[in-house]
C-alpha atoms as a PDB file:
ATOM      1  CA  MET A   1      -1.101  26.287  12.515  1.00  0.00           C
ATOM      2  CA  SER A   2      -3.887  25.771  14.941  1.00  0.00           C
ATOM      3  CA  THR A   3      -5.205  21.952  15.649  1.00  0.00           C
ATOM      4  CA  ALA A   4      -8.878  21.557  14.229  1.00  0.00           C
ATOM      5  CA  ARG A   5     -11.463  18.710  15.536  1.00  0.00           C
ATOM      6  CA  PRO A   6     -11.182  16.079  12.743  1.00  0.00           C
ATOM      7  CA  SER A   7     -14.954  16.401  11.906  1.00  0.00           C
ATOM      8  CA  SER A   8     -14.330  20.235  10.670  1.00  0.00           C
ATOM      9  CA  SER A   9     -11.072  19.586   8.379  1.00  0.00           C
ATOM     10  CA  PRO A  10     -11.370  17.990   4.693  1.00  0.00           C
ATOM     11  CA  ALA A  11      -8.857  15.610   4.713  1.00  0.00           C
ATOM     12  CA  SER A  12     -10.336  14.214   8.592  1.00  0.00           C
ATOM     13  CA  ARG A  13     -13.810  14.203   6.584  1.00  0.00           C
ATOM     14  CA  ALA A  14     -12.244  12.047   3.504  1.00  0.00           C
ATOM     15  CA  ALA A  15     -13.757   8.297   3.727  1.00  0.00           C
ATOM     16  CA  ALA A  16     -11.660   5.927   5.831  1.00  0.00           C
ATOM     17  CA  PRO A  17     -12.194   2.651   6.445  1.00  0.00           C
ATOM     18  CA  ALA A  18     -12.638   1.888   9.969  1.00  0.00           C
ATOM     19  CA  LEU A  19      -9.520  -0.477  11.531  1.00  0.00           C
ATOM     20  CA  PRO A  20     -10.957  -4.092  12.552  1.00  0.00           C
ATOM     21  CA  SER A  21     -11.184  -5.022  16.009  1.00  0.00           C
ATOM     22  CA  LEU A  22      -8.202  -7.265  16.705  1.00  0.00           C
ATOM     23  CA  GLY A  23      -7.026  -9.433  19.734  1.00  0.00           C
ATOM     24  CA  GLY A  24      -3.843 -10.718  20.380  1.00  0.00           C
ATOM     25  CA  LYS A  25      -0.819  -9.049  21.744  1.00  0.00           C
ATOM     26  CA  ARG A  26      -0.497  -5.670  22.055  1.00  0.00           C
ATOM     27  CA  SER A  27       2.678  -5.811  19.756  1.00  0.00           C
ATOM     28  CA  SER A  28       0.775  -7.266  17.164  1.00  0.00           C
ATOM     29  CA  TYR A  29      -2.114  -4.645  17.404  1.00  0.00           C
ATOM     30  CA  ARG A  30       0.213  -1.836  16.806  1.00  0.00           C
ATOM     31  CA  GLU A  31       2.020  -3.778  13.770  1.00  0.00           C
ATOM     32  CA  ARG A  32      -1.584  -3.876  12.466  1.00  0.00           C
ATOM     33  CA  VAL A  33      -2.540  -0.374  13.153  1.00  0.00           C
ATOM     34  CA  ALA A  34       0.997   0.480  11.497  1.00  0.00           C
ATOM     35  CA  ASP A  35       0.110  -1.496   8.639  1.00  0.00           C
ATOM     36  CA  ALA A  36      -3.336   0.112   8.215  1.00  0.00           C
ATOM     37  CA  LEU A  37      -1.760   3.988   8.154  1.00  0.00           C
ATOM     38  CA  ARG A  38       0.926   3.088   5.924  1.00  0.00           C
ATOM     39  CA  ALA A  39      -1.377   1.550   3.661  1.00  0.00           C
ATOM     40  CA  ALA A  40      -3.359   4.714   3.929  1.00  0.00           C
ATOM     41  CA  LEU A  41      -0.536   6.705   3.329  1.00  0.00           C
ATOM     42  CA  ILE A  42       0.728   4.868   0.292  1.00  0.00           C
ATOM     43  CA  ALA A  43      -3.176   5.020  -1.646  1.00  0.00           C
ATOM     44  CA  GLY A  44      -2.795   8.460  -0.759  1.00  0.00           C
ATOM     45  CA  GLU A  45      -5.779   9.068   1.944  1.00  0.00           C
ATOM     46  CA  LEU A  46      -3.194  10.642   4.179  1.00  0.00           C
ATOM     47  CA  LEU A  47      -1.998  13.559   1.892  1.00  0.00           C
ATOM     48  CA  PRO A  48       1.402  15.012   1.314  1.00  0.00           C
ATOM     49  CA  GLY A  49       2.623  17.711   3.346  1.00  0.00           C
ATOM     50  CA  ALA A  50      -0.450  17.249   5.737  1.00  0.00           C
ATOM     51  CA  VAL A  51       0.066  17.292   9.949  1.00  0.00           C
ATOM     52  CA  TYR A  52      -2.060  14.666  11.424  1.00  0.00           C
ATOM     53  CA  SER A  53      -2.755  14.771  15.157  1.00  0.00           C
ATOM     54  CA  ALA A  54      -3.000  11.030  16.867  1.00  0.00           C
ATOM     55  CA  PRO A  55      -6.325  11.788  18.031  1.00  0.00           C
ATOM     56  CA  ALA A  56      -7.807  12.743  14.809  1.00  0.00           C
ATOM     57  CA  LEU A  57      -6.344   9.875  13.097  1.00  0.00           C
ATOM     58  CA  ALA A  58      -7.507   7.413  15.914  1.00  0.00           C
ATOM     59  CA  ALA A  59     -11.024   8.770  15.186  1.00  0.00           C
ATOM     60  CA  ARG A  60     -11.201   7.608  11.743  1.00  0.00           C
ATOM     61  CA  PHE A  61      -9.738   4.659  11.918  1.00  0.00           C
ATOM     62  CA  GLY A  62     -11.778   3.915  14.864  1.00  0.00           C
ATOM     63  CA  VAL A  63      -9.102   3.194  17.404  1.00  0.00           C
ATOM     64  CA  SER A  64      -7.489   4.531  20.469  1.00  0.00           C
ATOM     65  CA  ALA A  65      -4.971   6.794  19.882  1.00  0.00           C
ATOM     66  CA  THR A  66      -1.858   5.314  21.950  1.00  0.00           C
ATOM     67  CA  PRO A  67      -1.629   2.968  19.193  1.00  0.00           C
ATOM     68  CA  VAL A  68      -1.556   5.160  16.628  1.00  0.00           C
ATOM     69  CA  ARG A  69       0.945   7.435  17.843  1.00  0.00           C
ATOM     70  CA  GLU A  70       3.089   4.424  18.690  1.00  0.00           C
ATOM     71  CA  ALA A  71       2.667   3.522  15.345  1.00  0.00           C
ATOM     72  CA  MET A  72       3.059   6.576  13.807  1.00  0.00           C
ATOM     73  CA  LEU A  73       6.577   6.773  15.249  1.00  0.00           C
ATOM     74  CA  ASP A  74       7.601   3.687  13.179  1.00  0.00           C
ATOM     75  CA  LEU A  75       6.351   5.371  10.379  1.00  0.00           C
ATOM     76  CA  ALA A  76       8.573   7.943  11.367  1.00  0.00           C
ATOM     77  CA  LYS A  77      11.487   5.603  11.405  1.00  0.00           C
ATOM     78  CA  GLU A  78      10.808   4.091   8.012  1.00  0.00           C
ATOM     79  CA  GLY A  79      10.970   8.258   7.013  1.00  0.00           C
ATOM     80  CA  LEU A  80       7.341   8.171   5.648  1.00  0.00           C
ATOM     81  CA  VAL A  81       6.131  10.571   8.215  1.00  0.00           C
ATOM     82  CA  ASP A  82       8.383  13.337  10.165  1.00  0.00           C
ATOM     83  CA  THR A  83       7.266  14.329  13.545  1.00  0.00           C
ATOM     84  CA  VAL A  84       5.842  17.564  14.495  1.00  0.00           C
ATOM     85  CA  PRO A  85       6.667  18.743  17.818  1.00  0.00           C
ATOM     86  CA  ASN A  86       3.013  19.183  19.949  1.00  0.00           C
ATOM     87  CA  LYS A  87       1.269  18.785  16.368  1.00  0.00           C
ATOM     88  CA  GLY A  88       1.588  15.138  15.226  1.00  0.00           C
ATOM     89  CA  PHE A  89       2.834  13.747  12.308  1.00  0.00           C
ATOM     90  CA  ARG A  90       3.543  15.253   8.548  1.00  0.00           C
ATOM     91  CA  VAL A  91       3.773  12.883   5.751  1.00  0.00           C
ATOM     92  CA  THR A  92       6.506  13.246   3.759  1.00  0.00           C
ATOM     93  CA  GLU A  93       6.401  14.447   0.199  1.00  0.00           C
ATOM     94  CA  VAL A  94       7.735  11.977  -2.503  1.00  0.00           C
ATOM     95  CA  SER A  95       8.997  13.488  -5.640  1.00  0.00           C
ATOM     96  CA  GLU A  96       8.245  12.311  -9.156  1.00  0.00           C
ATOM     97  CA  ARG A  97      11.971  11.430  -9.874  1.00  0.00           C
ATOM     98  CA  GLN A  98      11.798   9.535  -6.511  1.00  0.00           C
ATOM     99  CA  LEU A  99       8.699   7.690  -7.276  1.00  0.00           C
ATOM    100  CA  ASP A 100       9.901   6.775 -11.077  1.00  0.00           C
ATOM    101  CA  GLU A 101      13.529   5.818  -9.396  1.00  0.00           C
ATOM    102  CA  TYR A 102      11.364   3.715  -6.918  1.00  0.00           C
ATOM    103  CA  THR A 103       9.686   2.158  -9.734  1.00  0.00           C
ATOM    104  CA  HIS A 104      12.847   1.397 -12.022  1.00  0.00           C
ATOM    105  CA  ILE A 105      14.260  -0.526  -9.058  1.00  0.00           C
ATOM    106  CA  ARG A 106      11.092  -2.477  -8.829  1.00  0.00           C
ATOM    107  CA  ALA A 107      10.754  -3.395 -12.460  1.00  0.00           C
ATOM    108  CA  LEU A 108      14.534  -4.553 -12.459  1.00  0.00           C
ATOM    109  CA  ILE A 109      13.773  -6.993  -9.244  1.00  0.00           C
ATOM    110  CA  GLU A 110      10.424  -8.045  -9.455  1.00  0.00           C
ATOM    111  CA  ILE A 111      10.033  -8.789 -13.230  1.00  0.00           C
ATOM    112  CA  PRO A 112      12.943 -11.095 -13.593  1.00  0.00           C
ATOM    113  CA  THR A 113      12.113 -12.736 -10.299  1.00  0.00           C
ATOM    114  CA  VAL A 114       8.739 -13.337 -11.109  1.00  0.00           C
ATOM    115  CA  VAL A 115       9.182 -14.851 -14.284  1.00  0.00           C
ATOM    116  CA  GLU A 116      11.748 -17.365 -13.115  1.00  0.00           C
ATOM    117  CA  LEU A 117       9.206 -18.695 -10.812  1.00  0.00           C
ATOM    118  CA  ALA A 118       7.335 -19.800 -13.965  1.00  0.00           C
ATOM    119  CA  ALA A 119       9.526 -22.666 -13.707  1.00  0.00           C
ATOM    120  CA  THR A 120      10.985 -22.912 -10.414  1.00  0.00           C
ATOM    121  CA  ALA A 121       7.924 -22.315  -7.747  1.00  0.00           C
ATOM    122  CA  ALA A 122       5.633 -24.770  -6.679  1.00  0.00           C
ATOM    123  CA  PRO A 123       2.080 -25.304  -7.951  1.00  0.00           C
ATOM    124  CA  VAL A 124       0.806 -25.446  -4.210  1.00  0.00           C
ATOM    125  CA  SER A 125       2.837 -22.653  -3.249  1.00  0.00           C
ATOM    126  CA  LEU A 126       1.375 -20.588  -5.798  1.00  0.00           C
ATOM    127  CA  GLU A 127      -2.459 -21.563  -5.272  1.00  0.00           C
ATOM    128  CA  ALA A 128      -1.619 -20.852  -1.125  1.00  0.00           C
ATOM    129  CA  LEU A 129      -1.755 -16.846  -2.752  1.00  0.00           C
ATOM    130  CA  ARG A 130      -4.911 -16.977  -4.624  1.00  0.00           C
ATOM    131  CA  PRO A 131      -6.631 -16.705  -1.062  1.00  0.00           C
ATOM    132  CA  ALA A 132      -4.789 -12.928  -1.242  1.00  0.00           C
ATOM    133  CA  ALA A 133      -5.498 -12.475  -5.097  1.00  0.00           C
ATOM    134  CA  ARG A 134      -9.177 -12.648  -4.344  1.00  0.00           C
ATOM    135  CA  GLU A 135      -8.792 -10.302  -1.411  1.00  0.00           C
ATOM    136  CA  ILE A 136      -7.254  -7.718  -3.993  1.00  0.00           C
ATOM    137  CA  VAL A 137     -10.005  -8.614  -6.540  1.00  0.00           C
ATOM    138  CA  GLN A 138     -12.715  -7.509  -3.337  1.00  0.00           C
ATOM    139  CA  ALA A 139     -11.512  -4.945  -2.189  1.00  0.00           C
ATOM    140  CA  ALA A 140     -11.313  -3.100  -5.226  1.00  0.00           C
ATOM    141  CA  ALA A 141     -14.968  -3.984  -6.170  1.00  0.00           C
ATOM    142  CA  ALA A 142     -15.451  -2.313  -2.976  1.00  0.00           C
ATOM    143  CA  GLY A 143     -13.737   0.638  -3.187  1.00  0.00           C
ATOM    144  CA  ASP A 144     -11.346  -0.390   0.063  1.00  0.00           C
ATOM    145  CA  LEU A 145      -8.021   1.119  -0.799  1.00  0.00           C
ATOM    146  CA  VAL A 146      -6.288   0.359   2.534  1.00  0.00           C
ATOM    147  CA  ALA A 147      -7.143  -3.374   2.357  1.00  0.00           C
ATOM    148  CA  TYR A 148      -6.934  -3.259  -1.226  1.00  0.00           C
ATOM    149  CA  VAL A 149      -3.273  -2.094  -0.776  1.00  0.00           C
ATOM    150  CA  GLU A 150      -2.324  -4.335   2.564  1.00  0.00           C
ATOM    151  CA  ALA A 151      -3.385  -7.565   0.281  1.00  0.00           C
ATOM    152  CA  ASP A 152      -1.576  -6.223  -2.658  1.00  0.00           C
ATOM    153  CA  THR A 153       1.495  -5.883  -0.273  1.00  0.00           C
ATOM    154  CA  ARG A 154       0.957  -9.506   1.040  1.00  0.00           C
ATOM    155  CA  PHE A 155       0.186 -11.058  -2.418  1.00  0.00           C
ATOM    156  CA  HIS A 156       3.451  -9.432  -3.924  1.00  0.00           C
ATOM    157  CA  LEU A 157       5.610 -10.057  -1.019  1.00  0.00           C
ATOM    158  CA  GLY A 158       4.428 -13.648  -0.683  1.00  0.00           C
ATOM    159  CA  LEU A 159       5.257 -14.458  -4.286  1.00  0.00           C
ATOM    160  CA  LEU A 160       8.612 -12.806  -4.065  1.00  0.00           C
ATOM    161  CA  ALA A 161       9.388 -15.230  -1.262  1.00  0.00           C
ATOM    162  CA  LEU A 162       9.080 -18.200  -2.920  1.00  0.00           C
ATOM    163  CA  ALA A 163      12.332 -17.034  -4.840  1.00  0.00           C
ATOM    164  CA  GLY A 164      13.781 -17.911  -1.637  1.00  0.00           C
ATOM    165  CA  ASN A 165      16.028 -14.289  -1.093  1.00  0.00           C
ATOM    166  CA  ALA A 166      14.722 -12.660   2.020  1.00  0.00           C
ATOM    167  CA  HIS A 167      17.235 -10.023   1.145  1.00  0.00           C
ATOM    168  CA  LEU A 168      15.344  -9.477  -2.371  1.00  0.00           C
ATOM    169  CA  VAL A 169      11.771  -9.324  -0.392  1.00  0.00           C
ATOM    170  CA  GLU A 170      13.185  -7.131   2.012  1.00  0.00           C
ATOM    171  CA  VAL A 171      14.648  -4.347  -0.715  1.00  0.00           C
ATOM    172  CA  VAL A 172      10.837  -4.689  -2.638  1.00  0.00           C
ATOM    173  CA  GLY A 173       9.000  -4.438   0.713  1.00  0.00           C
ATOM    174  CA  ASP A 174      10.632  -0.905   1.485  1.00  0.00           C
ATOM    175  CA  LEU A 175      10.324   0.037  -2.084  1.00  0.00           C
ATOM    176  CA  ARG A 176       6.743  -0.464  -1.781  1.00  0.00           C
ATOM    177  CA  LYS A 177       6.282   1.513   1.494  1.00  0.00           C
ATOM    178  CA  ARG A 178       8.085   4.686   0.031  1.00  0.00           C
ATOM    179  CA  SER A 179       5.681   4.085  -3.127  1.00  0.00           C
ATOM    180  CA  ARG A 180       2.454   6.811  -3.537  1.00  0.00           C
ATOM    181  CA  LEU A 181      -0.433   5.625  -5.496  1.00  0.00           C
ATOM    182  CA  TYR A 182      -2.586   8.563  -5.356  1.00  0.00           C
ATOM    183  CA  GLY A 183      -4.464   7.973  -8.671  1.00  0.00           C
ATOM    184  CA  LEU A 184      -6.122   4.810  -7.032  1.00  0.00           C
ATOM    185  CA  THR A 185      -9.324   6.977  -5.961  1.00  0.00           C
ATOM    186  CA  ALA A 186      -9.874   8.526  -9.651  1.00  0.00           C
ATOM    187  CA  LEU A 187      -9.538   4.411 -10.563  1.00  0.00           C
ATOM    188  CA  VAL A 188     -12.296   3.574  -8.100  1.00  0.00           C
ATOM    189  CA  GLU A 189     -14.724   6.234  -9.052  1.00  0.00           C
ATOM    190  CA  ALA A 190     -14.273   5.632 -12.699  1.00  0.00           C
ATOM    191  CA  GLY A 191     -14.947   1.690 -11.765  1.00  0.00           C
ATOM    192  CA  ARG A 192     -11.441   0.774 -13.634  1.00  0.00           C
ATOM    193  CA  LEU A 193      -9.468  -0.666 -10.242  1.00  0.00           C
ATOM    194  CA  LEU A 194     -10.970  -3.896 -10.930  1.00  0.00           C
ATOM    195  CA  ALA A 195      -9.447  -4.739 -14.208  1.00  0.00           C
ATOM    196  CA  SER A 196      -6.242  -4.067 -12.424  1.00  0.00           C
ATOM    197  CA  ALA A 197      -7.072  -6.273  -9.435  1.00  0.00           C
ATOM    198  CA  GLU A 198      -7.822  -9.268 -11.612  1.00  0.00           C
ATOM    199  CA  GLU A 199      -4.425  -9.076 -13.471  1.00  0.00           C
ATOM    200  CA  HIS A 200      -3.493 -11.028 -10.247  1.00  0.00           C
ATOM    201  CA  LEU A 201      -5.042 -13.751 -10.703  1.00  0.00           C
ATOM    202  CA  GLU A 202      -4.220 -13.528 -14.165  1.00  0.00           C
ATOM    203  CA  LEU A 203      -0.426 -13.431 -12.955  1.00  0.00           C
ATOM    204  CA  LEU A 204      -1.032 -16.661 -10.940  1.00  0.00           C
ATOM    205  CA  ASP A 205      -2.864 -18.406 -13.679  1.00  0.00           C
ATOM    206  CA  ALA A 206       0.387 -18.119 -16.177  1.00  0.00           C
ATOM    207  CA  LEU A 207       2.373 -18.834 -13.601  1.00  0.00           C
ATOM    208  CA  ILE A 208       0.866 -22.281 -12.492  1.00  0.00           C
ATOM    209  CA  ALA A 209       0.652 -22.814 -16.715  1.00  0.00           C
ATOM    210  CA  ARG A 210       4.336 -22.388 -16.773  1.00  0.00           C
ATOM    211  CA  ASP A 211       3.658 -19.499 -19.241  1.00  0.00           C
ATOM    212  CA  ASP A 212       7.194 -17.168 -18.692  1.00  0.00           C
ATOM    213  CA  LYS A 213       6.408 -15.108 -21.892  1.00  0.00           C
ATOM    214  CA  ALA A 214       2.272 -14.597 -20.104  1.00  0.00           C
ATOM    215  CA  VAL A 215       4.234 -13.870 -16.967  1.00  0.00           C
ATOM    216  CA  ARG A 216       6.013 -10.859 -18.137  1.00  0.00           C
ATOM    217  CA  GLU A 217       3.688  -9.215 -20.016  1.00  0.00           C
ATOM    218  CA  VAL A 218       1.508  -9.529 -16.807  1.00  0.00           C
ATOM    219  CA  MET A 219       4.673  -8.321 -14.335  1.00  0.00           C
ATOM    220  CA  THR A 220       5.792  -5.763 -17.163  1.00  0.00           C
ATOM    221  CA  ARG A 221       2.022  -3.842 -16.971  1.00  0.00           C
ATOM    222  CA  HIS A 222       1.055  -4.380 -13.693  1.00  0.00           C
ATOM    223  CA  ILE A 223       4.572  -2.734 -12.345  1.00  0.00           C
ATOM    224  CA  GLY A 224       4.094  -0.286 -15.465  1.00  0.00           C
ATOM    225  CA  HIS A 225       0.300   0.903 -13.390  1.00  0.00           C
ATOM    226  CA  VAL A 226       2.824   2.042 -10.818  1.00  0.00           C
ATOM    227  CA  ARG A 227       4.050   5.337 -12.534  1.00  0.00           C
ATOM    228  CA  GLY A 228       0.783   5.173 -15.048  1.00  0.00           C
ATOM    229  CA  LEU A 229      -2.875   4.677 -14.056  1.00  0.00           C
ATOM    230  CA  TRP A 230      -2.011   4.441 -10.207  1.00  0.00           C
ATOM    231  CA  ALA A 231       0.078   7.271  -9.616  1.00  0.00           C
ATOM    232  CA  ALA A 232      -2.075   9.599 -11.802  1.00  0.00           C
ATOM    233  CA  ARG A 233      -3.724  12.667 -10.294  1.00  0.00           C
ATOM    234  CA  ARG A 234      -1.047  13.460  -7.742  1.00  0.00           C
ATOM    235  CA  PRO A 235      -2.650  15.154  -4.724  1.00  0.00           C
ATOM    236  CA  ALA A 236      -1.553  18.624  -3.343  1.00  0.00           C
ATOM    237  CA  GLY A 237      -1.681  18.034  -0.111  1.00  0.00           C
ATOM    238  CA  PRO A 238      -2.984  20.721   2.803  1.00  0.00           C
ATOM    239  CA  HIS A 239      -0.281  22.065   5.297  1.00  0.00           C
ATOM    240  CA  ASN A 240      -2.555  22.205   8.176  1.00  0.00           C
ATOM    241  CA  THR A 241      -3.004  20.268  11.244  1.00  0.00           C
ATOM    242  CA  VAL A 242      -5.696  18.032  11.580  1.00  0.00           C
END
């Protein structure tokens, strides 16, 4: 397999938002790069089976190659990519059965946990999540899938954290990393992602109103999107290096 310049590959030509310029310690910057790459992978902007070089990814995200290489090594430890000697990193493929299993476990954990929050979570703690919910809506409106996935992850893990079980949050966080939302691009093109994004605000309103039935309905519908609207049109990844 030959190494191609970033501009010569369909995968590398795909629209990818530039990573925001960040300050702070190098470790925090590396984590930020890893978060953005992980979100791109979950959203399907990094294709399953494709091999990406650190320089090509760095060019796409507007950063230098070193933090990208370090971040991809972190993703390799999580099982999200495999290292390919002298070439880069191959995005691991996730089977339909695996996606079904991840979603089933998430539903078993998240739905009852969030429903219980309708009775136990302090309104001020729930309101603190509204900015993240609005970020999700803004990202959906802008068609920014990386920002969408990042904000969605912060919202849901922040919500689950209100239950006071750190291990539960860790388990769901791992399941979310392993999921793939290949249908998001199609939803953006069809103008339908915004409706899904607004479910986060609907969920918060139901929680603050202590309406456990409405919370269960929204969460059941929302989790269902993971294997429904958000997972449709699974792409076939190119097996070349970019």
